[in-house]
PDB file of all heavy atoms in Angstrom:
ATOM      1  N   SER A   1      -2.451 -23.695  17.857  1.00  0.00           N
ATOM      2  CA  SER A   1      -3.411 -24.200  18.834  1.00  0.00           C
ATOM      3  C   SER A   1      -2.867 -25.431  19.546  1.00  0.00           C
ATOM      4  O   SER A   1      -1.927 -26.076  19.073  1.00  0.00           O
ATOM      5  CB  SER A   1      -4.738 -24.547  18.144  1.00  0.00           C
ATOM      6  OG  SER A   1      -4.542 -25.562  17.166  1.00  0.00           O
ATOM      7  N   GLU A   2      -3.452 -25.777  20.674  1.00  0.00           N
ATOM      8  CA  GLU A   2      -2.970 -26.908  21.466  1.00  0.00           C
ATOM      9  C   GLU A   2      -2.977 -28.216  20.694  1.00  0.00           C
ATOM     10  O   GLU A   2      -2.123 -29.076  20.895  1.00  0.00           O
ATOM     11  CB  GLU A   2      -3.813 -27.056  22.742  1.00  0.00           C
ATOM     12  CG  GLU A   2      -3.532 -25.978  23.777  1.00  0.00           C
ATOM     13  CD  GLU A   2      -4.235 -26.261  25.097  1.00  0.00           C
ATOM     14  OE1 GLU A   2      -4.729 -27.397  25.266  1.00  0.00           O
ATOM     15  OE2 GLU A   2      -4.286 -25.358  25.937  1.00  0.00           O
ATOM     16  N   ASP A   3      -3.964 -28.386  19.803  1.00  0.00           N
ATOM     17  CA  ASP A   3      -4.020 -29.624  19.022  1.00  0.00           C
ATOM     18  C   ASP A   3      -3.112 -29.588  17.795  1.00  0.00           C
ATOM     19  O   ASP A   3      -3.015 -30.558  17.043  1.00  0.00           O
ATOM     20  CB  ASP A   3      -5.461 -29.945  18.612  1.00  0.00           C
ATOM     21  CG  ASP A   3      -6.084 -28.863  17.725  1.00  0.00           C
ATOM     22  OD1 ASP A   3      -5.363 -27.924  17.318  1.00  0.00           O
ATOM     23  OD2 ASP A   3      -7.299 -28.953  17.455  1.00  0.00           O
ATOM     24  N   GLY A   4      -2.418 -28.464  17.587  1.00  0.00           N
ATOM     25  CA  GLY A   4      -1.471 -28.350  16.481  1.00  0.00           C
ATOM     26  C   GLY A   4      -2.105 -28.158  15.123  1.00  0.00           C
ATOM     27  O   GLY A   4      -1.400 -28.202  14.105  1.00  0.00           O
ATOM     28  N   LEU A   5      -3.391 -27.885  15.081  1.00  0.00           N
ATOM     29  CA  LEU A   5      -4.090 -27.830  13.795  1.00  0.00           C
ATOM     30  C   LEU A   5      -4.394 -26.416  13.298  1.00  0.00           C
ATOM     31  O   LEU A   5      -4.580 -26.218  12.094  1.00  0.00           O
ATOM     32  CB  LEU A   5      -5.397 -28.626  13.873  1.00  0.00           C
ATOM     33  CG  LEU A   5      -5.248 -30.128  14.149  1.00  0.00           C
ATOM     34  CD1 LEU A   5      -6.612 -30.797  14.217  1.00  0.00           C
ATOM     35  CD2 LEU A   5      -4.378 -30.797  13.079  1.00  0.00           C
ATOM     36  N   THR A   6      -4.438 -25.451  14.180  1.00  0.00           N
ATOM     37  CA  THR A   6      -4.743 -24.082  13.754  1.00  0.00           C
ATOM     38  C   THR A   6      -3.524 -23.190  13.950  1.00  0.00           C
ATOM     39  O   THR A   6      -3.018 -23.049  15.060  1.00  0.00           O
ATOM     40  CB  THR A   6      -5.941 -23.511  14.543  1.00  0.00           C
ATOM     41  OG1 THR A   6      -7.093 -24.321  14.296  1.00  0.00           O
ATOM     42  CG2 THR A   6      -6.241 -22.085  14.091  1.00  0.00           C
ATOM     43  N   TRP A   7      -3.062 -22.617  12.857  1.00  0.00           N
ATOM     44  CA  TRP A   7      -1.900 -21.743  12.859  1.00  0.00           C
ATOM     45  C   TRP A   7      -2.358 -20.325  12.539  1.00  0.00           C
ATOM     46  O   TRP A   7      -2.987 -20.091  11.504  1.00  0.00           O
ATOM     47  CB  TRP A   7      -0.879 -22.205  11.820  1.00  0.00           C
ATOM     48  CG  TRP A   7      -0.226 -23.513  12.147  1.00  0.00           C
ATOM     49  CD1 TRP A   7      -0.843 -24.725  12.259  1.00  0.00           C
ATOM     50  CD2 TRP A   7       1.161 -23.735  12.400  1.00  0.00           C
ATOM     51  NE1 TRP A   7       0.067 -25.709  12.560  1.00  0.00           N
ATOM     52  CE2 TRP A   7       1.321 -25.121  12.647  1.00  0.00           C
ATOM     53  CE3 TRP A   7       2.285 -22.921  12.428  1.00  0.00           C
ATOM     54  CZ2 TRP A   7       2.557 -25.697  12.931  1.00  0.00           C
ATOM     55  CZ3 TRP A   7       3.523 -23.492  12.699  1.00  0.00           C
ATOM     56  CH2 TRP A   7       3.643 -24.858  12.960  1.00  0.00           C
ATOM     57  N   THR A   8      -2.024 -19.392  13.405  1.00  0.00           N
ATOM     58  CA  THR A   8      -2.407 -17.997  13.208  1.00  0.00           C
ATOM     59  C   THR A   8      -1.151 -17.142  13.069  1.00  0.00           C
ATOM     60  O   THR A   8      -0.355 -17.024  14.013  1.00  0.00           O
ATOM     61  CB  THR A   8      -3.262 -17.487  14.381  1.00  0.00           C
ATOM     62  OG1 THR A   8      -4.416 -18.334  14.534  1.00  0.00           O
ATOM     63  CG2 THR A   8      -3.722 -16.053  14.121  1.00  0.00           C
ATOM     64  N   PHE A   9      -0.966 -16.586  11.891  1.00  0.00           N
ATOM     65  CA  PHE A   9       0.211 -15.776  11.592  1.00  0.00           C
ATOM     66  C   PHE A   9      -0.133 -14.297  11.655  1.00  0.00           C
ATOM     67  O   PHE A   9      -1.148 -13.868  11.091  1.00  0.00           O
ATOM     68  CB  PHE A   9       0.748 -16.105  10.195  1.00  0.00           C
ATOM     69  CG  PHE A   9       1.216 -17.518  10.034  1.00  0.00           C
ATOM     70  CD1 PHE A   9       0.340 -18.514   9.622  1.00  0.00           C
ATOM     71  CD2 PHE A   9       2.537 -17.861  10.290  1.00  0.00           C
ATOM     72  CE1 PHE A   9       0.764 -19.822   9.466  1.00  0.00           C
ATOM     73  CE2 PHE A   9       2.973 -19.166  10.137  1.00  0.00           C
ATOM     74  CZ  PHE A   9       2.087 -20.152   9.725  1.00  0.00           C
ATOM     75  N   LYS A  10       0.693 -13.529  12.336  1.00  0.00           N
ATOM     76  CA  LYS A  10       0.540 -12.086  12.383  1.00  0.00           C
ATOM     77  C   LYS A  10       1.607 -11.452  11.496  1.00  0.00           C
ATOM     78  O   LYS A  10       2.815 -11.607  11.741  1.00  0.00           O
ATOM     79  CB  LYS A  10       0.682 -11.566  13.820  1.00  0.00           C
ATOM     80  CG  LYS A  10      -0.468 -11.973  14.735  1.00  0.00           C
ATOM     81  CD  LYS A  10      -1.789 -11.315  14.292  1.00  0.00           C
ATOM     82  CE  LYS A  10      -2.928 -11.660  15.234  1.00  0.00           C
ATOM     83  NZ  LYS A  10      -4.196 -11.022  14.810  1.00  0.00           N
ATOM     84  N   LEU A  11       1.185 -10.771  10.449  1.00  0.00           N
ATOM     85  CA  LEU A  11       2.130 -10.192   9.502  1.00  0.00           C
ATOM     86  C   LEU A  11       2.737  -8.896  10.037  1.00  0.00           C
ATOM     87  O   LEU A  11       2.077  -8.124  10.726  1.00  0.00           O
ATOM     88  CB  LEU A  11       1.437  -9.910   8.168  1.00  0.00           C
ATOM     89  CG  LEU A  11       0.732 -11.076   7.471  1.00  0.00           C
ATOM     90  CD1 LEU A  11       0.300 -10.664   6.062  1.00  0.00           C
ATOM     91  CD2 LEU A  11       1.613 -12.317   7.407  1.00  0.00           C
ATOM     92  N   ARG A  12       4.000  -8.688   9.701  1.00  0.00           N
ATOM     93  CA  ARG A  12       4.668  -7.434  10.040  1.00  0.00           C
ATOM     94  C   ARG A  12       4.237  -6.359   9.032  1.00  0.00           C
ATOM     95  O   ARG A  12       3.615  -6.649   8.011  1.00  0.00           O
ATOM     96  CB  ARG A  12       6.182  -7.617  10.036  1.00  0.00           C
ATOM     97  CG  ARG A  12       6.742  -7.931   8.673  1.00  0.00           C
ATOM     98  CD  ARG A  12       8.267  -7.987   8.687  1.00  0.00           C
ATOM     99  NE  ARG A  12       8.795  -9.221   9.277  1.00  0.00           N
ATOM    100  CZ  ARG A  12       9.493  -9.249  10.401  1.00  0.00           C
ATOM    101  NH1 ARG A  12       9.723  -8.133  11.086  1.00  0.00           N
ATOM    102  NH2 ARG A  12       9.976 -10.392  10.870  1.00  0.00           N
ATOM    103  N   ASP A  13       4.597  -5.115   9.305  1.00  0.00           N
ATOM    104  CA  ASP A  13       4.353  -4.048   8.337  1.00  0.00           C
ATOM    105  C   ASP A  13       5.390  -4.187   7.232  1.00  0.00           C
ATOM    106  O   ASP A  13       6.568  -3.855   7.421  1.00  0.00           O
ATOM    107  CB  ASP A  13       4.455  -2.676   9.007  1.00  0.00           C
ATOM    108  CG  ASP A  13       3.294  -2.407   9.953  1.00  0.00           C
ATOM    109  OD1 ASP A  13       2.187  -2.906   9.664  1.00  0.00           O
ATOM    110  OD2 ASP A  13       3.496  -1.713  10.964  1.00  0.00           O
ATOM    111  N   ALA A  14       4.970  -4.701   6.118  1.00  0.00           N
ATOM    112  CA  ALA A  14       5.882  -4.933   4.991  1.00  0.00           C
ATOM    113  C   ALA A  14       5.211  -4.473   3.707  1.00  0.00           C
ATOM    114  O   ALA A  14       3.976  -4.403   3.617  1.00  0.00           O
ATOM    115  CB  ALA A  14       6.247  -6.412   4.903  1.00  0.00           C
ATOM    116  N   LYS A  15       6.041  -4.161   2.717  1.00  0.00           N
ATOM    117  CA  LYS A  15       5.524  -3.634   1.455  1.00  0.00           C
ATOM    118  C   LYS A  15       6.050  -4.423   0.262  1.00  0.00           C
ATOM    119  O   LYS A  15       7.134  -5.017   0.312  1.00  0.00           O
ATOM    120  CB  LYS A  15       5.925  -2.160   1.294  1.00  0.00           C
ATOM    121  CG  LYS A  15       5.339  -1.235   2.334  1.00  0.00           C
ATOM    122  CD  LYS A  15       5.825   0.185   2.105  1.00  0.00           C
ATOM    123  CE  LYS A  15       5.259   1.147   3.142  1.00  0.00           C
ATOM    124  NZ  LYS A  15       5.745   2.529   2.917  1.00  0.00           N
ATOM    125  N   TRP A  16       5.267  -4.399  -0.793  1.00  0.00           N
ATOM    126  CA  TRP A  16       5.727  -4.898  -2.083  1.00  0.00           C
ATOM    127  C   TRP A  16       6.733  -3.903  -2.649  1.00  0.00           C
ATOM    128  O   TRP A  16       6.831  -2.770  -2.184  1.00  0.00           O
ATOM    129  CB  TRP A  16       4.561  -5.070  -3.044  1.00  0.00           C
ATOM    130  CG  TRP A  16       3.608  -6.157  -2.651  1.00  0.00           C
ATOM    131  CD1 TRP A  16       2.434  -6.020  -1.975  1.00  0.00           C
ATOM    132  CD2 TRP A  16       3.755  -7.554  -2.918  1.00  0.00           C
ATOM    133  NE1 TRP A  16       1.839  -7.246  -1.787  1.00  0.00           N
ATOM    134  CE2 TRP A  16       2.622  -8.203  -2.365  1.00  0.00           C
ATOM    135  CE3 TRP A  16       4.720  -8.323  -3.568  1.00  0.00           C
ATOM    136  CZ2 TRP A  16       2.449  -9.581  -2.436  1.00  0.00           C
ATOM    137  CZ3 TRP A  16       4.543  -9.698  -3.648  1.00  0.00           C
ATOM    138  CH2 TRP A  16       3.423 -10.320  -3.091  1.00  0.00           C
ATOM    139  N   SER A  17       7.464  -4.317  -3.651  1.00  0.00           N
ATOM    140  CA  SER A  17       8.493  -3.448  -4.212  1.00  0.00           C
ATOM    141  C   SER A  17       7.924  -2.197  -4.861  1.00  0.00           C
ATOM    142  O   SER A  17       8.657  -1.238  -5.110  1.00  0.00           O
ATOM    143  CB  SER A  17       9.342  -4.226  -5.234  1.00  0.00           C
ATOM    144  OG  SER A  17       8.524  -4.793  -6.250  1.00  0.00           O
ATOM    145  N   ASP A  18       6.614  -2.181  -5.135  1.00  0.00           N
ATOM    146  CA  ASP A  18       5.998  -0.966  -5.679  1.00  0.00           C
ATOM    147  C   ASP A  18       5.401  -0.082  -4.584  1.00  0.00           C
ATOM    148  O   ASP A  18       4.725   0.906  -4.870  1.00  0.00           O
ATOM    149  CB  ASP A  18       4.933  -1.305  -6.724  1.00  0.00           C
ATOM    150  CG  ASP A  18       3.742  -2.059  -6.156  1.00  0.00           C
ATOM    151  OD1 ASP A  18       3.753  -2.382  -4.953  1.00  0.00           O
ATOM    152  OD2 ASP A  18       2.786  -2.333  -6.924  1.00  0.00           O
ATOM    153  N   GLY A  19       5.646  -0.450  -3.312  1.00  0.00           N
ATOM    154  CA  GLY A  19       5.214   0.378  -2.203  1.00  0.00           C
ATOM    155  C   GLY A  19       3.872   0.028  -1.603  1.00  0.00           C
ATOM    156  O   GLY A  19       3.500   0.556  -0.553  1.00  0.00           O
ATOM    157  N   LYS A  20       3.123  -0.868  -2.226  1.00  0.00           N
ATOM    158  CA  LYS A  20       1.823  -1.253  -1.686  1.00  0.00           C
ATOM    159  C   LYS A  20       2.004  -2.237  -0.523  1.00  0.00           C
ATOM    160  O   LYS A  20       2.941  -3.037  -0.530  1.00  0.00           O
ATOM    161  CB  LYS A  20       0.954  -1.873  -2.779  1.00  0.00           C
ATOM    162  CG  LYS A  20       0.524  -0.869  -3.846  1.00  0.00           C
ATOM    163  CD  LYS A  20      -0.469  -1.490  -4.827  1.00  0.00           C
ATOM    164  CE  LYS A  20      -0.934  -0.456  -5.849  1.00  0.00           C
ATOM    165  NZ  LYS A  20      -1.918  -1.026  -6.796  1.00  0.00           N
ATOM    166  N   PRO A  21       1.124  -2.189   0.476  1.00  0.00           N
ATOM    167  CA  PRO A  21       1.282  -3.088   1.634  1.00  0.00           C
ATOM    168  C   PRO A  21       1.035  -4.548   1.274  1.00  0.00           C
ATOM    169  O   PRO A  21       0.172  -4.863   0.453  1.00  0.00           O
ATOM    170  CB  PRO A  21       0.227  -2.568   2.618  1.00  0.00           C
ATOM    171  CG  PRO A  21      -0.783  -1.856   1.783  1.00  0.00           C
ATOM    172  CD  PRO A  21      -0.020  -1.265   0.642  1.00  0.00           C
ATOM    173  N   ILE A  22       1.815  -5.429   1.904  1.00  0.00           N
ATOM    174  CA  ILE A  22       1.601  -6.874   1.785  1.00  0.00           C
ATOM    175  C   ILE A  22       0.543  -7.258   2.807  1.00  0.00           C
ATOM    176  O   ILE A  22       0.660  -6.933   3.987  1.00  0.00           O
ATOM    177  CB  ILE A  22       2.908  -7.643   2.040  1.00  0.00           C
ATOM    178  CG1 ILE A  22       3.954  -7.277   0.979  1.00  0.00           C
ATOM    179  CG2 ILE A  22       2.661  -9.157   2.044  1.00  0.00           C
ATOM    180  CD1 ILE A  22       5.339  -7.829   1.268  1.00  0.00           C
ATOM    181  N   THR A  23      -0.503  -7.924   2.354  1.00  0.00           N
ATOM    182  CA  THR A  23      -1.616  -8.262   3.241  1.00  0.00           C
ATOM    183  C   THR A  23      -1.821  -9.769   3.320  1.00  0.00           C
ATOM    184  O   THR A  23      -1.304 -10.536   2.500  1.00  0.00           O
ATOM    185  CB  THR A  23      -2.922  -7.617   2.754  1.00  0.00           C
ATOM    186  OG1 THR A  23      -3.371  -8.280   1.559  1.00  0.00           O
ATOM    187  CG2 THR A  23      -2.730  -6.124   2.471  1.00  0.00           C
ATOM    188  N   ALA A  24      -2.623 -10.174   4.308  1.00  0.00           N
ATOM    189  CA  ALA A  24      -2.940 -11.595   4.485  1.00  0.00           C
ATOM    190  C   ALA A  24      -3.669 -12.150   3.271  1.00  0.00           C
ATOM    191  O   ALA A  24      -3.537 -13.330   2.934  1.00  0.00           O
ATOM    192  CB  ALA A  24      -3.773 -11.783   5.745  1.00  0.00           C
ATOM    193  N   ASN A  25      -4.440 -11.307   2.593  1.00  0.00           N
ATOM    194  CA  ASN A  25      -5.156 -11.770   1.404  1.00  0.00           C
ATOM    195  C   ASN A  25      -4.210 -12.154   0.271  1.00  0.00           C
ATOM    196  O   ASN A  25      -4.568 -12.956  -0.592  1.00  0.00           O
ATOM    197  CB  ASN A  25      -6.142 -10.704   0.927  1.00  0.00           C
ATOM    198  CG  ASN A  25      -7.458 -10.768   1.692  1.00  0.00           C
ATOM    199  OD1 ASN A  25      -8.055 -11.830   1.821  1.00  0.00           O
ATOM    200  ND2 ASN A  25      -7.889  -9.633   2.219  1.00  0.00           N
ATOM    201  N   ASP A  26      -3.004 -11.596   0.268  1.00  0.00           N
ATOM    202  CA  ASP A  26      -2.011 -11.993  -0.741  1.00  0.00           C
ATOM    203  C   ASP A  26      -1.608 -13.453  -0.526  1.00  0.00           C
ATOM    204  O   ASP A  26      -1.359 -14.189  -1.489  1.00  0.00           O
ATOM    205  CB  ASP A  26      -0.784 -11.091  -0.670  1.00  0.00           C
ATOM    206  CG  ASP A  26      -1.092  -9.652  -1.061  1.00  0.00           C
ATOM    207  OD1 ASP A  26      -1.929  -9.447  -1.951  1.00  0.00           O
ATOM    208  OD2 ASP A  26      -0.492  -8.732  -0.462  1.00  0.00           O
TER     209      ASP A  26
END
């Protein structure tokens, strides 16, 4: 954000080593 306080990350399609998707909740 313009004030430098809010950071919004967009995750790529990535998986854990067991094949499950890596999510923002992780």
